[in-house]
């Protein structure tokens, strides 16, 4: 099948979350199955800088083109490259007014959030590129709210065109909490008939909701883990769309994300000081010593090194981590933290690091190579997420023999099997349910106690390192969804 991928983010060019990781990895696995992939993303400033930094080629694909819809118009420049490390064609849509910004989702300089306008333009520009370049997709795969309009446009008239007559749409929800919501006045930006302003289309409690429309009009809907597919049909995690999702559950699937097992492989990872594998773990001990030196911490026998690598936002359970971390350090644990995000969380963690400089190192910011060293050098990874559609960090940790301590939600349920002293042959981590600091502390402390039992700990590490989190498995599931869409 010819599959068109459209996403606001594609790693390593531009990413803020798992969305970028998925759209940088899944196409490779689908291409290995024999599918013909073509990709579209905006040319964000971050992506332009990536090309400049890496000396990669960007060539003009089309002359600058006027994109016209409803009462709107804007110019699009089309540049062509390849998805890094592949020959998969990647088209980048440039418009400095919309995409040349310091951060991918930054508002305009005057503070106005023009996200709906920006990504309406992007979706329209994708459609126009297909018309001009003769791209005739069997499957249009849209991701998150930024491209939710594509399944809607397909349903609202595009199937009457030569390029899209036989096209079917897949819509993937990476995070239901970001829905592309705007006031009713923004509906006029979309260029849709007034019949789409209704509760069974894009109107949602008097506002425009792009994600709702994508869910309703796509031929198939997926999300990024089986458990999250269940959770989002319940009021507690449905973010106001649980009723819509329950009514359309017949076309909803949960497919667990994968990771790029070539980039995340302790046997060959060039970012870590000493490579290792499950049958020969000496390199992990060496990586831990090197990380402790880098963090300015003393190597303490029988003391596990805890880690936390994350965006510092409330979703990631930072409000649970801050008090629990202080308790862990007071009880003798060591920890390394890497992350950036909301200033209050950055400040609070930095203060903990300063107050416990002999036991804790906090790096504010993000450094990919350092993240690899932390996964390789730490013993336990803390993930106290309030919700987690899939989560990739726990998969990275498991692959590196670092035992995760997680709140059992979303994809963490699908990937982490909590140890309970009777299931050592399959357990690979520790888990808790209630989102409370004391429960995080208790769960981590149980992990610390079991760390002292070498036999148990080696088994937990081996179980985690033997799991298959490759995209090959997930790509086969997407292939099945594509085939269902083609016959729907």
Protein backbone atom coordinates (compact mmCIF):
# COMPACT_ATOMS: atom_id res chain seq x y z
CA UNK A 1 0.00 0.00 0.00
CA UNK A 2 1.03 3.60 -0.50
CA UNK A 3 0.81 5.26 2.92
CA UNK A 4 0.92 9.01 3.51
CA UNK A 5 2.14 10.01 6.98
CA UNK A 6 1.32 13.55 8.15
CA UNK A 7 2.64 14.76 11.50
CA UNK A 8 3.62 17.96 13.29
CA UNK A 9 6.76 16.24 14.57
CA UNK A 10 9.25 13.75 13.17
CA UNK A 11 12.34 12.73 15.15
CA UNK A 12 15.19 13.52 14.97
CA UNK A 13 14.27 16.65 12.99
CA UNK A 14 11.79 18.18 15.42
CA UNK A 15 10.15 16.64 18.47
CA UNK A 16 8.69 17.51 21.83
CA UNK A 17 7.17 14.15 22.77
CA UNK A 18 6.56 10.55 21.80
CA UNK A 19 4.67 11.77 18.72
CA UNK A 20 7.98 12.68 17.10
CA UNK A 21 9.59 9.38 18.10
CA UNK A 22 6.72 7.35 16.63
CA UNK A 23 6.67 9.25 13.34
CA UNK A 24 10.44 8.95 13.05
CA UNK A 25 10.45 5.17 13.64
CA UNK A 26 7.17 3.54 12.58
CA UNK A 27 7.58 4.46 8.87
CA UNK A 28 10.88 2.55 8.78
CA UNK A 29 9.22 -0.61 10.09
CA UNK A 30 6.31 -0.25 7.66
CA UNK A 31 8.74 0.20 4.76
CA UNK A 32 10.43 -3.09 5.80
CA UNK A 33 7.03 -4.77 5.32
CA UNK A 34 7.03 -3.55 1.72
CA UNK A 35 4.77 -0.50 2.03
CA UNK A 36 5.50 2.63 -0.01
CA UNK A 37 5.73 5.48 2.51
CA UNK A 38 5.65 9.23 1.86
CA UNK A 39 5.85 11.70 4.74
CA UNK A 40 4.86 15.33 5.37
CA UNK A 41 5.77 17.65 8.23
CA UNK A 42 6.11 21.43 8.72
CA UNK A 43 9.56 22.94 8.29
CA UNK A 44 9.90 24.18 11.87
CA UNK A 45 12.93 26.26 12.79
CA UNK A 46 14.17 23.29 14.81
CA UNK A 47 14.03 21.07 11.71
CA UNK A 48 15.77 23.66 9.53
CA UNK A 49 18.56 23.90 12.13
CA UNK A 50 18.87 20.10 12.18
CA UNK A 51 19.50 20.05 8.44
CA UNK A 52 22.06 22.86 8.71
CA UNK A 53 23.82 21.21 11.63
CA UNK A 54 24.01 17.83 9.92
CA UNK A 55 24.80 19.06 6.42
CA UNK A 56 21.80 17.15 5.05
CA UNK A 57 20.32 18.03 1.69
CA UNK A 58 17.05 19.94 1.27
CA UNK A 59 15.92 20.34 -2.31
CA UNK A 60 13.01 22.25 -3.78
CA UNK A 61 10.14 19.91 -4.56
CA UNK A 62 7.72 22.48 -5.99
CA UNK A 63 7.76 26.20 -6.72
CA UNK A 64 6.27 28.38 -3.99
CA UNK A 65 2.54 27.75 -4.18
CA UNK A 66 -0.46 29.78 -3.06
CA UNK A 67 -2.68 27.64 -0.82
CA UNK A 68 -6.25 28.90 -1.07
CA UNK A 69 -9.19 27.73 1.02
CA UNK A 70 -12.48 29.35 2.07
CA UNK A 71 -11.63 33.05 2.44
CA UNK A 72 -8.00 32.35 3.35
CA UNK A 73 -4.72 32.00 1.51
CA UNK A 74 -1.04 31.59 2.37
CA UNK A 75 2.13 30.65 0.54
CA UNK A 76 3.74 27.25 0.91
CA UNK A 77 7.26 26.32 -0.10
CA UNK A 78 7.81 22.59 -0.57
CA UNK A 79 11.20 21.08 0.20
CA UNK A 80 12.15 17.44 -0.14
CA UNK A 81 14.55 15.33 1.89
CA UNK A 82 14.66 11.75 3.16
CA UNK A 83 13.75 10.50 6.59
CA UNK A 84 17.22 10.30 8.20
CA UNK A 85 18.84 6.91 7.72
CA UNK A 86 16.36 5.84 5.03
CA UNK A 87 15.29 6.57 1.46
CA UNK A 88 11.71 7.33 2.57
CA UNK A 89 10.70 10.64 0.94
CA UNK A 90 9.96 13.43 3.41
CA UNK A 91 8.30 16.64 2.24
CA UNK A 92 8.69 19.70 4.46
CA UNK A 93 6.17 22.51 4.15
CA UNK A 94 7.71 25.90 4.78
CA UNK A 95 6.01 29.13 5.73
CA UNK A 96 8.02 31.38 8.03
CA UNK A 97 4.96 33.16 9.41
CA UNK A 98 3.53 29.89 10.70
CA UNK A 99 6.54 27.67 11.40
CA UNK A 100 9.72 29.72 11.90
CA UNK A 101 9.37 29.93 15.69
CA UNK A 102 11.64 29.19 18.61
CA UNK A 103 9.40 26.38 19.82
CA UNK A 104 7.27 24.08 17.66
CA UNK A 105 3.99 25.05 19.35
CA UNK A 106 4.83 28.65 20.27
CA UNK A 107 2.07 31.24 19.80
CA UNK A 108 2.56 34.28 17.61
CA UNK A 109 4.91 37.01 18.81
CA UNK A 110 1.90 39.03 20.01
CA UNK A 111 0.79 36.13 22.22
CA UNK A 112 -2.14 35.02 20.04
CA UNK A 113 -2.39 31.23 19.84
CA UNK A 114 -2.87 30.60 16.14
CA UNK A 115 -2.44 26.82 16.34
CA UNK A 116 -5.70 26.06 14.54
CA UNK A 117 -4.78 28.42 11.69
CA UNK A 118 -1.24 27.04 11.43
CA UNK A 119 -2.26 23.41 11.18
CA UNK A 120 -5.28 24.08 8.97
CA UNK A 121 -2.77 25.60 6.55
CA UNK A 122 -0.49 22.58 6.94
CA UNK A 123 -3.30 20.11 6.18
CA UNK A 124 -4.41 22.13 3.15
CA UNK A 125 -0.82 22.30 1.93
CA UNK A 126 -0.47 18.50 2.23
CA UNK A 127 -3.55 18.02 0.07
CA UNK A 128 -2.31 20.50 -2.53
CA UNK A 129 1.09 18.79 -2.67
CA UNK A 130 -0.57 15.47 -3.45
CA UNK A 131 -2.49 17.10 -6.30
CA UNK A 132 0.61 18.76 -7.74
CA UNK A 133 3.02 15.84 -7.27
CA UNK A 134 0.61 13.10 -8.29
CA UNK A 135 0.72 11.35 -4.91
CA UNK A 136 -2.21 8.91 -4.75
CA UNK A 137 -2.28 7.33 -1.28
CA UNK A 138 -4.14 4.17 -0.34
CA UNK A 139 -3.88 5.15 3.33
CA UNK A 140 -3.74 8.63 4.84
CA UNK A 141 -2.32 8.27 8.37
CA UNK A 142 -2.89 11.40 10.48
CA UNK A 143 -1.45 11.93 13.95
CA UNK A 144 -2.89 13.92 16.89
CA UNK A 145 -4.96 17.08 16.64
CA UNK A 146 -2.57 18.91 14.32
CA UNK A 147 -3.57 16.70 11.37
CA UNK A 148 -7.09 15.73 12.48
CA UNK A 149 -8.52 17.81 9.63
CA UNK A 150 -7.14 15.42 7.01
CA UNK A 151 -9.67 12.60 7.69
CA UNK A 152 -12.38 15.28 7.87
CA UNK A 153 -11.42 16.81 4.51
CA UNK A 154 -11.25 13.32 3.02
CA UNK A 155 -14.82 12.66 4.17
CA UNK A 156 -16.12 16.10 3.20
CA UNK A 157 -15.33 15.93 -0.51
CA UNK A 158 -11.77 14.84 -1.29
CA UNK A 159 -12.96 11.34 -2.19
CA UNK A 160 -14.47 12.94 -5.26
CA UNK A 161 -10.98 13.76 -6.59
CA UNK A 162 -8.67 11.53 -8.61
CA UNK A 163 -5.92 11.58 -5.97
CA UNK A 164 -8.10 10.53 -3.03
CA UNK A 165 -10.97 8.53 -4.57
CA UNK A 166 -9.86 5.26 -2.98
CA UNK A 167 -7.98 6.67 0.04
CA UNK A 168 -8.88 5.47 3.51
CA UNK A 169 -7.87 7.28 6.71
CA UNK A 170 -6.27 6.18 9.96
CA UNK A 171 -6.21 8.62 12.88
CA UNK A 172 -3.81 8.00 15.77
CA UNK A 173 -4.35 9.59 19.18
CA UNK A 174 -1.00 10.05 20.90
CA UNK A 175 -2.35 12.15 23.78
CA UNK A 176 -6.08 12.70 24.20
CA UNK A 177 -5.55 15.68 26.48
CA UNK A 178 -4.44 17.91 23.59
CA UNK A 179 -7.44 18.19 21.29
CA UNK A 180 -7.07 21.31 19.14
CA UNK A 181 -9.87 23.25 20.82
CA UNK A 182 -10.82 26.82 19.90
CA UNK A 183 -13.75 29.22 20.12
CA UNK A 184 -16.66 28.86 17.71
CA UNK A 185 -15.32 31.74 15.63
CA UNK A 186 -12.36 29.55 14.55
CA UNK A 187 -14.71 27.23 12.63
CA UNK A 188 -14.65 29.71 9.74
CA UNK A 189 -10.90 29.13 9.37
CA UNK A 190 -11.39 25.47 8.47
CA UNK A 191 -13.20 25.93 5.15
CA UNK A 192 -15.83 23.32 5.96
CA UNK A 193 -19.55 23.34 5.19
CA UNK A 194 -21.78 24.53 8.03
CA UNK A 195 -23.12 20.99 8.47
CA UNK A 196 -19.81 20.16 10.18
CA UNK A 197 -20.70 22.61 12.94
CA UNK A 198 -22.81 20.12 14.89
CA UNK A 199 -22.45 17.87 17.94
CA UNK A 200 -21.94 14.84 15.69
CA UNK A 201 -19.01 16.56 13.95
CA UNK A 202 -16.63 19.30 15.20
CA UNK A 203 -18.81 21.24 17.64
CA UNK A 204 -18.13 20.28 21.24
CA UNK A 205 -19.90 22.20 24.02
CA UNK A 206 -19.93 25.34 21.89
CA UNK A 207 -16.30 25.14 20.78
CA UNK A 208 -14.39 23.75 17.81
CA UNK A 209 -12.71 20.43 18.61
CA UNK A 210 -10.46 19.12 15.83
CA UNK A 211 -9.59 15.84 17.53
CA UNK A 212 -13.26 15.01 17.95
CA UNK A 213 -13.74 15.47 14.22
CA UNK A 214 -10.73 13.31 13.41
CA UNK A 215 -12.09 10.50 15.59
CA UNK A 216 -15.56 10.67 14.05
CA UNK A 217 -14.58 10.87 10.38
CA UNK A 218 -11.53 8.57 10.23
CA UNK A 219 -12.10 5.05 8.91
CA UNK A 220 -10.04 3.57 11.74
CA UNK A 221 -8.79 5.11 15.00
CA UNK A 222 -5.77 3.91 16.94
CA UNK A 223 -4.05 4.94 20.12
CA UNK A 224 -0.65 4.09 21.47
CA UNK A 225 -1.28 1.24 23.91
CA UNK A 226 -4.06 -1.28 24.55
CA UNK A 227 -4.67 -0.12 28.12
CA UNK A 228 -4.88 3.55 27.07
CA UNK A 229 -7.50 2.56 24.47
CA UNK A 230 -9.55 1.19 27.37
CA UNK A 231 -8.88 4.12 29.73
CA UNK A 232 -9.93 6.86 27.29
CA UNK A 233 -13.40 5.33 27.01
CA UNK A 234 -13.94 6.06 30.72
CA UNK A 235 -14.91 9.47 32.16
CA UNK A 236 -11.80 9.70 34.36
CA UNK A 237 -9.40 9.57 31.39
CA UNK A 238 -11.66 10.46 28.47
CA UNK A 239 -10.96 14.22 28.59
CA UNK A 240 -14.55 14.92 27.59
CA UNK A 241 -14.47 12.59 24.57
CA UNK A 242 -15.12 9.28 26.35
CA UNK A 243 -18.72 9.16 25.11
CA UNK A 244 -17.61 9.69 21.50
CA UNK A 245 -14.95 7.00 21.85
CA UNK A 246 -17.34 4.49 23.44
CA UNK A 247 -19.83 5.02 20.62
CA UNK A 248 -17.08 4.38 18.04
CA UNK A 249 -15.24 1.62 19.91
CA UNK A 250 -15.82 -0.72 16.95
CA UNK A 251 -13.12 1.14 15.02
CA UNK A 252 -10.75 1.90 17.94
CA UNK A 253 -7.56 -0.13 18.48
CA UNK A 254 -4.73 0.19 20.99
CA UNK A 255 -1.33 -0.58 19.47
CA UNK A 256 1.67 -0.38 21.76
CA UNK A 257 4.40 1.96 20.54
CA UNK A 258 7.79 0.53 19.83
CA UNK A 259 11.27 1.98 20.17
CA UNK A 260 14.13 2.18 17.72
CA UNK A 261 16.12 -0.83 18.94
CA UNK A 262 19.16 0.19 16.91
CA UNK A 263 19.38 3.62 18.56
CA UNK A 264 18.61 2.15 21.99
CA UNK A 265 20.91 -0.85 22.27
CA UNK A 266 23.41 -1.14 25.14
CA UNK A 267 25.54 -3.54 23.07
CA UNK A 268 26.42 -0.89 20.46
CA UNK A 269 25.30 2.46 21.92
CA UNK A 270 28.11 4.97 21.22
CA UNK A 271 26.76 7.35 23.88
CA UNK A 272 27.60 5.16 26.87
CA UNK A 273 31.07 4.60 28.36
CA UNK A 274 30.97 0.81 28.32
CA UNK A 275 28.76 -1.44 26.20
CA UNK A 276 27.14 -4.55 27.60
CA UNK A 277 24.48 -7.21 27.04
CA UNK A 278 22.18 -9.31 29.21
CA UNK A 279 24.64 -12.19 29.43
CA UNK A 280 27.57 -9.97 30.32
CA UNK A 281 26.62 -7.00 32.51
CA UNK A 282 30.04 -5.74 33.57
CA UNK A 283 29.60 -2.74 31.26
CA UNK A 284 26.54 -1.62 33.21
CA UNK A 285 28.55 -1.49 36.45
CA UNK A 286 31.23 0.53 34.64
CA UNK A 287 28.55 2.83 33.21
CA UNK A 288 27.18 3.39 36.71
CA UNK A 289 30.60 4.35 38.06
CA UNK A 290 31.12 6.76 35.17
CA UNK A 291 27.69 8.33 35.70
CA UNK A 292 28.35 8.78 39.42
CA UNK A 293 31.62 10.55 38.59
CA UNK A 294 29.86 12.76 36.04
CA UNK A 295 27.21 13.62 38.64
CA UNK A 296 29.81 14.29 41.35
CA UNK A 297 28.43 11.54 43.56
CA UNK A 298 30.29 8.91 45.59
CA UNK A 299 30.12 5.24 44.61
CA UNK A 300 28.28 3.62 47.53
CA UNK A 301 28.20 -0.16 47.67
CA UNK A 302 24.71 -1.71 47.74
CA UNK A 303 23.10 1.70 47.19
CA UNK A 304 20.96 1.85 44.03
CA UNK A 305 21.12 4.90 41.82
CA UNK A 306 17.61 6.18 41.06
CA UNK A 307 16.87 8.25 37.96
CA UNK A 308 14.13 10.40 36.47
CA UNK A 309 14.30 11.53 32.82
CA UNK A 310 11.28 13.48 31.70
CA UNK A 311 9.53 16.64 30.69
CA UNK A 312 8.76 18.49 33.92
CA UNK A 313 4.99 18.81 33.62
CA UNK A 314 2.17 17.71 35.88
CA UNK A 315 1.29 14.72 33.65
CA UNK A 316 4.62 13.14 34.56
CA UNK A 317 3.81 13.06 38.27
CA UNK A 318 6.38 15.65 39.32
CA UNK A 319 4.11 16.68 42.20
CA UNK A 320 4.48 13.12 43.51
CA UNK A 321 8.19 12.96 42.80
CA UNK A 322 9.28 16.11 44.65
CA UNK A 323 8.21 15.09 48.20
CA UNK A 324 8.96 11.40 47.63
CA UNK A 325 12.46 12.15 46.31
CA UNK A 326 13.31 14.15 49.42
CA UNK A 327 12.26 11.18 51.55
CA UNK A 328 14.28 8.73 49.44
CA UNK A 329 17.41 10.86 49.73
CA UNK A 330 16.94 11.26 53.48
CA UNK A 331 16.67 7.48 53.72
CA UNK A 332 20.02 7.06 51.96
CA UNK A 333 19.22 6.70 48.26
CA UNK A 334 21.13 8.41 45.45
CA UNK A 335 19.48 9.98 42.41
CA UNK A 336 20.11 11.73 39.09
CA UNK A 337 17.45 13.89 37.42
CA UNK A 338 17.31 15.17 33.86
CA UNK A 339 14.46 17.29 32.55
CA UNK A 340 13.00 20.64 31.69
CA UNK A 341 9.56 22.14 31.68
CA UNK A 342 7.46 24.21 34.02
CA UNK A 343 9.59 26.70 36.01
CA UNK A 344 8.13 25.76 39.40
CA UNK A 345 9.19 22.14 38.90
CA UNK A 346 12.63 23.09 37.59
CA UNK A 347 13.17 25.32 40.64
CA UNK A 348 11.91 22.75 43.16
CA UNK A 349 14.10 19.96 41.80
CA UNK A 350 17.12 22.23 41.52
CA UNK A 351 16.70 23.14 45.20
CA UNK A 352 16.56 19.45 46.16
CA UNK A 353 19.75 18.86 44.20
CA UNK A 354 21.52 21.76 45.91
CA UNK A 355 20.36 20.67 49.37
CA UNK A 356 21.49 17.07 48.78
CA UNK A 357 24.55 17.61 46.60
CA UNK A 358 26.27 14.54 48.07
CA UNK A 359 23.38 12.27 47.03
CA UNK A 360 21.56 13.92 44.13
CA UNK A 361 22.45 15.64 40.86
CA UNK A 362 19.82 17.59 38.90
CA UNK A 363 20.42 18.62 35.30
CA UNK A 364 17.85 21.13 34.01
CA UNK A 365 17.48 20.91 30.25
CA UNK A 366 17.68 18.00 27.85
CA UNK A 367 20.71 16.23 26.47
CA UNK A 368 20.09 13.09 24.41
CA UNK A 369 23.55 11.59 24.98
CA UNK A 370 23.25 12.21 28.72
CA UNK A 371 19.84 10.50 28.71
CA UNK A 372 21.48 7.40 27.21
CA UNK A 373 24.17 7.48 29.90
CA UNK A 374 21.53 7.77 32.62
CA UNK A 375 19.57 4.76 31.32
CA UNK A 376 22.79 2.76 31.14
CA UNK A 377 24.23 3.90 34.48
CA UNK A 378 21.26 4.01 36.82
CA UNK A 379 19.68 1.05 38.60
CA UNK A 380 16.06 2.22 38.78
CA UNK A 381 13.95 4.63 36.72
CA UNK A 382 11.09 6.52 38.42
CA UNK A 383 7.94 7.11 36.32
CA UNK A 384 5.13 8.28 38.64
CA UNK A 385 2.95 9.52 35.73
CA UNK A 386 -0.58 10.68 36.43
CA UNK A 387 -1.44 9.36 32.98
CA UNK A 388 0.76 7.89 30.28
CA UNK A 389 -0.72 7.05 26.85
CA UNK A 390 2.17 4.70 26.16
CA UNK A 391 5.47 5.86 27.59
CA UNK A 392 8.81 5.15 25.97
CA UNK A 393 11.18 5.83 28.86
CA UNK A 394 10.23 2.62 30.65
CA UNK A 395 11.05 0.70 27.44
CA UNK A 396 14.44 2.39 27.16
CA UNK A 397 15.11 1.56 30.82
CA UNK A 398 14.11 -2.08 30.45
CA UNK A 399 16.33 -2.48 27.40
CA UNK A 400 19.29 -1.13 29.40
CA UNK A 401 18.68 -3.35 32.44
CA UNK A 402 17.38 -0.44 34.52
CA UNK A 403 14.36 -1.49 36.56
CA UNK A 404 11.34 0.85 36.28
CA UNK A 405 9.23 2.01 39.22
CA UNK A 406 5.96 3.18 37.69
CA UNK A 407 2.46 4.27 38.43
CA UNK A 408 0.26 1.65 36.80
CA UNK A 409 -1.58 3.67 34.17
CA UNK A 410 -1.89 3.67 30.38
CA UNK A 411 0.91 1.95 28.50
CA UNK A 412 2.89 1.43 31.71
CA UNK A 413 0.41 -1.35 32.53
CA UNK A 414 1.14 -2.97 29.16
CA UNK A 415 4.92 -2.92 29.55
CA UNK A 416 5.82 -3.19 33.25
CA UNK A 417 5.05 -6.36 35.23
CA UNK A 418 5.32 -5.47 38.94
CA UNK A 419 7.35 -7.81 41.13
CA UNK A 420 5.37 -9.37 43.98
CA UNK A 421 7.84 -12.02 45.29
CA UNK A 422 5.93 -14.83 43.52
CA UNK A 423 6.38 -13.86 39.87
CA UNK A 424 10.14 -13.51 39.54
CA UNK A 425 10.21 -15.44 36.27
CA UNK A 426 8.22 -12.71 34.49
CA UNK A 427 8.37 -9.53 36.60
CA UNK A 428 10.49 -6.65 35.30
CA UNK A 429 9.72 -3.71 37.60
CA UNK A 430 7.71 -2.28 40.48
CA UNK A 431 4.33 -0.56 40.36
CA UNK A 432 1.82 1.40 42.44
CA UNK A 433 -1.70 2.62 41.73
CA UNK A 434 -2.70 5.53 43.96
CA UNK A 435 -1.21 8.87 42.78
CA UNK A 436 0.23 9.83 46.17
CA UNK A 437 3.84 10.64 47.17
CA UNK A 438 3.78 8.07 49.96
CA UNK A 439 2.82 5.31 47.51
CA UNK A 440 5.66 6.29 45.18
CA UNK A 441 8.08 6.30 48.12
CA UNK A 442 6.85 2.91 49.38
CA UNK A 443 7.09 1.35 45.92
CA UNK A 444 10.60 2.74 45.35
CA UNK A 445 11.67 1.59 48.81
CA UNK A 446 10.48 -1.96 48.06
CA UNK A 447 12.63 -1.75 44.93
CA UNK A 448 15.61 -0.55 46.97
CA UNK A 449 15.23 -3.47 49.40
CA UNK A 450 15.07 -5.99 46.53
CA UNK A 451 18.14 -4.40 44.93
CA UNK A 452 20.14 -5.84 47.81
CA UNK A 453 19.17 -9.38 46.70
CA UNK A 454 21.48 -10.00 43.76
CA UNK A 455 19.56 -13.05 42.53
CA UNK A 456 16.22 -11.23 42.36
CA UNK A 457 17.73 -8.14 40.79
CA UNK A 458 19.55 -10.02 38.04
CA UNK A 459 16.32 -11.83 37.18
CA UNK A 460 14.39 -8.54 36.98
CA UNK A 461 17.07 -7.11 34.69
CA UNK A 462 17.15 -10.19 32.47
CA UNK A 463 13.36 -10.20 32.14
CA UNK A 464 13.34 -6.56 31.07
CA UNK A 465 16.20 -6.90 28.61
CA UNK A 466 14.59 -9.91 26.90
CA UNK A 467 11.32 -8.10 26.05
CA UNK A 468 10.59 -7.24 22.41
CA UNK A 469 9.80 -3.52 22.12
CA UNK A 470 10.80 -3.26 18.47
CA UNK A 471 8.61 -1.54 15.91
CA UNK A 472 8.49 -4.78 13.90
CA UNK A 473 5.80 -6.15 16.20
CA UNK A 474 3.75 -2.95 16.21
CA UNK A 475 4.10 -2.43 12.43
CA UNK A 476 2.34 -5.75 11.82
CA UNK A 477 -0.58 -4.53 13.94
CA UNK A 478 -0.76 -1.27 12.00
CA UNK A 479 -0.70 -3.30 8.78
CA UNK A 480 -3.80 -5.15 9.98
CA UNK A 481 -5.55 -1.85 10.81
CA UNK A 482 -4.73 -0.49 7.34
CA UNK A 483 -6.23 -3.59 5.75
CA UNK A 484 -9.39 -3.26 7.86
CA UNK A 485 -9.72 0.35 6.70
CA UNK A 486 -9.39 -0.65 3.05
CA UNK A 487 -12.42 -2.94 3.29
CA UNK A 488 -14.55 -0.68 5.52
